[in-house]
N, C-alpha and C. Protein backbone atom coordinates (compact mmCIF):
# COMPACT_ATOMS: atom_id res chain seq x y z
N MET A 1 34.01 -40.06 -56.18
CA MET A 1 32.63 -39.79 -56.56
C MET A 1 32.65 -38.81 -57.74
N ASP A 2 32.02 -39.22 -58.81
CA ASP A 2 32.00 -38.34 -59.98
C ASP A 2 30.86 -37.33 -59.87
N LYS A 3 30.82 -36.46 -60.85
CA LYS A 3 29.86 -35.35 -60.83
C LYS A 3 28.41 -35.83 -60.83
N GLN A 4 28.12 -36.88 -61.61
CA GLN A 4 26.75 -37.40 -61.70
C GLN A 4 26.31 -38.03 -60.37
N GLU A 5 27.20 -38.78 -59.72
CA GLU A 5 26.87 -39.37 -58.43
C GLU A 5 26.63 -38.30 -57.38
N LYS A 6 27.43 -37.26 -57.42
CA LYS A 6 27.28 -36.15 -56.48
C LYS A 6 25.92 -35.47 -56.66
N LYS A 7 25.52 -35.27 -57.91
CA LYS A 7 24.23 -34.67 -58.21
C LYS A 7 23.08 -35.57 -57.73
N GLN A 8 23.22 -36.88 -57.94
CA GLN A 8 22.21 -37.83 -57.50
C GLN A 8 22.08 -37.81 -55.98
N ASN A 9 23.20 -37.77 -55.28
CA ASN A 9 23.19 -37.72 -53.82
C ASN A 9 22.52 -36.45 -53.31
N MET A 10 22.75 -35.34 -54.00
CA MET A 10 22.11 -34.08 -53.61
C MET A 10 20.60 -34.18 -53.76
N LYS A 11 20.14 -34.83 -54.84
CA LYS A 11 18.70 -35.02 -55.05
C LYS A 11 18.11 -35.90 -53.95
N GLN A 12 18.81 -36.98 -53.61
CA GLN A 12 18.33 -37.86 -52.55
C GLN A 12 18.28 -37.14 -51.21
N ASP A 13 19.29 -36.34 -50.93
CA ASP A 13 19.31 -35.57 -49.69
C ASP A 13 18.12 -34.61 -49.62
N ARG A 14 17.79 -34.03 -50.74
CA ARG A 14 16.66 -33.10 -50.78
C ARG A 14 15.34 -33.85 -50.56
N LEU A 15 15.19 -35.03 -51.17
CA LEU A 15 14.00 -35.84 -50.95
C LEU A 15 13.89 -36.29 -49.49
N ILE A 16 15.01 -36.68 -48.91
CA ILE A 16 15.02 -37.07 -47.50
C ILE A 16 14.56 -35.92 -46.63
N ASP A 17 15.08 -34.73 -46.89
CA ASP A 17 14.70 -33.56 -46.11
C ASP A 17 13.21 -33.27 -46.24
N TRP A 18 12.68 -33.31 -47.45
CA TRP A 18 11.25 -33.06 -47.65
C TRP A 18 10.42 -34.11 -46.93
N ALA A 19 10.79 -35.37 -47.05
CA ALA A 19 10.03 -36.44 -46.41
C ALA A 19 10.05 -36.31 -44.89
N LYS A 20 11.20 -35.96 -44.34
CA LYS A 20 11.28 -35.77 -42.89
C LYS A 20 10.42 -34.60 -42.44
N ARG A 21 10.44 -33.52 -43.20
CA ARG A 21 9.63 -32.35 -42.85
C ARG A 21 8.15 -32.67 -42.94
N LEU A 22 7.75 -33.37 -44.00
CA LEU A 22 6.34 -33.77 -44.14
C LEU A 22 5.93 -34.70 -42.99
N GLN A 23 6.79 -35.65 -42.67
CA GLN A 23 6.50 -36.59 -41.58
C GLN A 23 6.34 -35.85 -40.26
N SER A 24 7.21 -34.91 -40.00
CA SER A 24 7.15 -34.14 -38.76
C SER A 24 5.86 -33.32 -38.67
N LEU A 25 5.50 -32.66 -39.76
CA LEU A 25 4.26 -31.89 -39.78
C LEU A 25 3.05 -32.79 -39.57
N ALA A 26 3.06 -33.93 -40.24
CA ALA A 26 1.94 -34.87 -40.12
C ALA A 26 1.81 -35.40 -38.69
N GLN A 27 2.92 -35.80 -38.10
CA GLN A 27 2.87 -36.34 -36.75
C GLN A 27 2.37 -35.30 -35.75
N ALA A 28 2.84 -34.07 -35.87
CA ALA A 28 2.37 -33.01 -34.97
C ALA A 28 0.87 -32.78 -35.17
N GLY A 29 0.43 -32.75 -36.41
CA GLY A 29 -0.99 -32.55 -36.70
C GLY A 29 -1.84 -33.70 -36.19
N LEU A 30 -1.38 -34.93 -36.37
CA LEU A 30 -2.14 -36.07 -35.89
C LEU A 30 -2.17 -36.13 -34.37
N THR A 31 -1.12 -35.63 -33.73
CA THR A 31 -1.06 -35.64 -32.28
C THR A 31 -1.94 -34.55 -31.67
N TYR A 32 -1.89 -33.35 -32.24
CA TYR A 32 -2.56 -32.21 -31.64
C TYR A 32 -3.83 -31.77 -32.36
N GLY A 33 -4.09 -32.30 -33.55
CA GLY A 33 -5.27 -31.91 -34.31
C GLY A 33 -6.54 -32.41 -33.65
N LYS A 34 -7.61 -31.66 -33.79
CA LYS A 34 -8.89 -32.02 -33.16
C LYS A 34 -9.96 -32.33 -34.20
N ASP A 35 -9.97 -31.60 -35.27
CA ASP A 35 -11.01 -31.72 -36.29
C ASP A 35 -10.77 -32.95 -37.17
N ASN A 36 -11.82 -33.73 -37.45
CA ASN A 36 -11.66 -34.93 -38.28
C ASN A 36 -11.15 -34.62 -39.68
N PHE A 37 -11.60 -33.51 -40.25
CA PHE A 37 -11.13 -33.12 -41.58
C PHE A 37 -9.63 -32.87 -41.56
N ASP A 38 -9.15 -32.15 -40.55
CA ASP A 38 -7.71 -31.90 -40.44
C ASP A 38 -6.93 -33.20 -40.22
N LEU A 39 -7.46 -34.08 -39.38
CA LEU A 39 -6.79 -35.35 -39.12
C LEU A 39 -6.64 -36.18 -40.40
N GLU A 40 -7.66 -36.14 -41.25
CA GLU A 40 -7.58 -36.84 -42.54
C GLU A 40 -6.48 -36.24 -43.42
N ARG A 41 -6.38 -34.92 -43.41
CA ARG A 41 -5.32 -34.28 -44.21
C ARG A 41 -3.94 -34.62 -43.67
N TYR A 42 -3.78 -34.61 -42.35
CA TYR A 42 -2.48 -34.96 -41.76
C TYR A 42 -2.13 -36.43 -42.06
N GLN A 43 -3.11 -37.29 -42.06
CA GLN A 43 -2.87 -38.70 -42.41
C GLN A 43 -2.39 -38.81 -43.86
N GLU A 44 -3.00 -38.03 -44.74
CA GLU A 44 -2.58 -38.03 -46.15
C GLU A 44 -1.14 -37.53 -46.30
N ILE A 45 -0.79 -36.51 -45.54
CA ILE A 45 0.59 -36.00 -45.57
C ILE A 45 1.55 -37.09 -45.08
N ARG A 46 1.16 -37.81 -44.03
CA ARG A 46 2.02 -38.89 -43.52
C ARG A 46 2.17 -39.99 -44.56
N ASP A 47 1.09 -40.30 -45.27
CA ASP A 47 1.15 -41.32 -46.32
C ASP A 47 2.08 -40.90 -47.45
N ILE A 48 2.03 -39.63 -47.83
CA ILE A 48 2.92 -39.11 -48.88
C ILE A 48 4.37 -39.23 -48.44
N SER A 49 4.64 -38.87 -47.19
CA SER A 49 6.00 -38.98 -46.65
C SER A 49 6.48 -40.43 -46.70
N ALA A 50 5.60 -41.36 -46.33
CA ALA A 50 5.97 -42.78 -46.35
C ALA A 50 6.29 -43.23 -47.78
N GLU A 51 5.52 -42.76 -48.75
CA GLU A 51 5.79 -43.12 -50.15
C GLU A 51 7.14 -42.59 -50.61
N ILE A 52 7.50 -41.40 -50.17
CA ILE A 52 8.81 -40.84 -50.53
C ILE A 52 9.91 -41.72 -49.95
N PHE A 53 9.76 -42.12 -48.68
CA PHE A 53 10.78 -42.97 -48.06
C PHE A 53 10.89 -44.32 -48.74
N LEU A 54 9.80 -44.82 -49.30
CA LEU A 54 9.85 -46.11 -49.98
C LEU A 54 10.73 -46.09 -51.23
N ILE A 55 10.87 -44.94 -51.88
CA ILE A 55 11.68 -44.88 -53.10
C ILE A 55 13.14 -44.54 -52.81
N LEU A 56 13.46 -44.28 -51.54
CA LEU A 56 14.83 -43.93 -51.17
C LEU A 56 15.64 -45.20 -50.91
N PRO A 57 16.97 -45.06 -50.92
CA PRO A 57 17.83 -46.22 -50.64
C PRO A 57 17.53 -46.83 -49.28
N PHE A 58 17.88 -48.09 -49.12
CA PHE A 58 17.59 -48.86 -47.91
C PHE A 58 18.00 -48.14 -46.63
N SER A 59 19.15 -47.52 -46.60
CA SER A 59 19.67 -46.93 -45.36
C SER A 59 18.82 -45.77 -44.85
N THR A 60 17.97 -45.21 -45.69
CA THR A 60 17.16 -44.08 -45.23
C THR A 60 15.69 -44.45 -45.08
N SER A 61 15.35 -45.72 -45.22
CA SER A 61 13.94 -46.09 -45.21
C SER A 61 13.47 -46.68 -43.88
N PHE A 62 14.11 -46.31 -42.79
CA PHE A 62 13.72 -46.82 -41.47
C PHE A 62 12.75 -45.88 -40.77
N PHE A 63 12.13 -45.00 -41.44
CA PHE A 63 11.30 -43.98 -40.81
C PHE A 63 10.02 -44.58 -40.26
N PRO A 64 9.68 -44.32 -39.00
CA PRO A 64 8.50 -44.91 -38.37
C PRO A 64 7.21 -44.19 -38.77
N CYS A 65 6.66 -44.52 -39.91
CA CYS A 65 5.51 -43.79 -40.45
C CYS A 65 4.19 -44.18 -39.80
N ASN A 66 4.17 -45.22 -38.98
CA ASN A 66 2.91 -45.62 -38.35
C ASN A 66 2.90 -45.33 -36.86
N ALA A 67 3.90 -44.65 -36.36
CA ALA A 67 3.95 -44.33 -34.95
C ALA A 67 3.09 -43.11 -34.65
N SER A 68 2.87 -42.89 -33.36
CA SER A 68 2.11 -41.70 -32.98
C SER A 68 2.96 -40.86 -32.05
N GLY A 69 2.58 -39.62 -31.88
CA GLY A 69 3.34 -38.70 -31.05
C GLY A 69 4.20 -37.79 -31.91
N VAL A 70 5.02 -37.00 -31.27
CA VAL A 70 5.88 -36.06 -31.97
C VAL A 70 7.30 -36.58 -31.90
N PHE A 71 8.02 -36.55 -33.02
CA PHE A 71 9.37 -37.07 -33.07
C PHE A 71 10.41 -35.99 -32.83
N LYS A 72 11.44 -36.36 -32.12
CA LYS A 72 12.57 -35.46 -31.90
C LYS A 72 13.79 -36.12 -32.55
N LYS A 73 14.41 -35.42 -33.49
CA LYS A 73 15.55 -35.97 -34.21
C LYS A 73 16.78 -35.98 -33.30
N LEU A 74 17.44 -37.13 -33.20
CA LEU A 74 18.65 -37.23 -32.40
C LEU A 74 19.91 -37.22 -33.26
N VAL A 75 19.88 -37.97 -34.35
CA VAL A 75 21.06 -38.13 -35.20
C VAL A 75 20.62 -38.05 -36.64
N ASP A 76 21.46 -37.53 -37.51
CA ASP A 76 21.08 -37.36 -38.91
C ASP A 76 22.17 -37.88 -39.85
N PHE A 77 22.67 -39.09 -39.63
CA PHE A 77 23.68 -39.70 -40.48
C PHE A 77 23.64 -41.18 -40.35
N PRO A 78 24.21 -42.01 -41.15
CA PRO A 78 23.67 -42.21 -42.48
C PRO A 78 22.26 -42.76 -42.43
N THR A 79 21.85 -43.23 -41.25
CA THR A 79 20.45 -43.63 -41.11
C THR A 79 19.76 -42.63 -40.18
N ILE A 80 18.48 -42.70 -40.16
CA ILE A 80 17.71 -41.76 -39.35
C ILE A 80 17.39 -42.41 -38.01
N VAL A 81 17.79 -41.75 -36.94
CA VAL A 81 17.52 -42.27 -35.61
C VAL A 81 16.62 -41.26 -34.92
N LEU A 82 15.47 -41.72 -34.48
CA LEU A 82 14.49 -40.82 -33.87
C LEU A 82 14.03 -41.40 -32.56
N THR A 83 13.55 -40.55 -31.71
CA THR A 83 12.94 -40.99 -30.47
C THR A 83 11.54 -40.41 -30.39
N LEU A 84 10.63 -41.15 -29.83
CA LEU A 84 9.26 -40.70 -29.71
C LEU A 84 9.11 -39.93 -28.42
N VAL A 85 8.66 -38.70 -28.51
CA VAL A 85 8.40 -37.88 -27.35
C VAL A 85 6.93 -38.03 -27.04
N GLU A 86 6.63 -38.62 -25.89
CA GLU A 86 5.24 -38.87 -25.54
C GLU A 86 4.55 -37.57 -25.19
N SER A 87 3.30 -37.47 -25.65
CA SER A 87 2.54 -36.25 -25.38
C SER A 87 1.65 -36.43 -24.18
């Protein structure tokens, strides 16, 4: 792996991390939020996270952006494996 590929991978890893964090915040907000205004904002955050995952390589685009509940991360390599924790 050359220097440019390594730099590209670091950028992708950072995007993956941001998208996962946004998705997690959105899911928690959609699950526990009460106010309609807040729910709309959490939905927008979830949509942004989904858009980020759409531009990532195939192996990282399995994120369940239309599910409900809070996600608990089980594995973090090379694909994302999550389980839904029912509320």
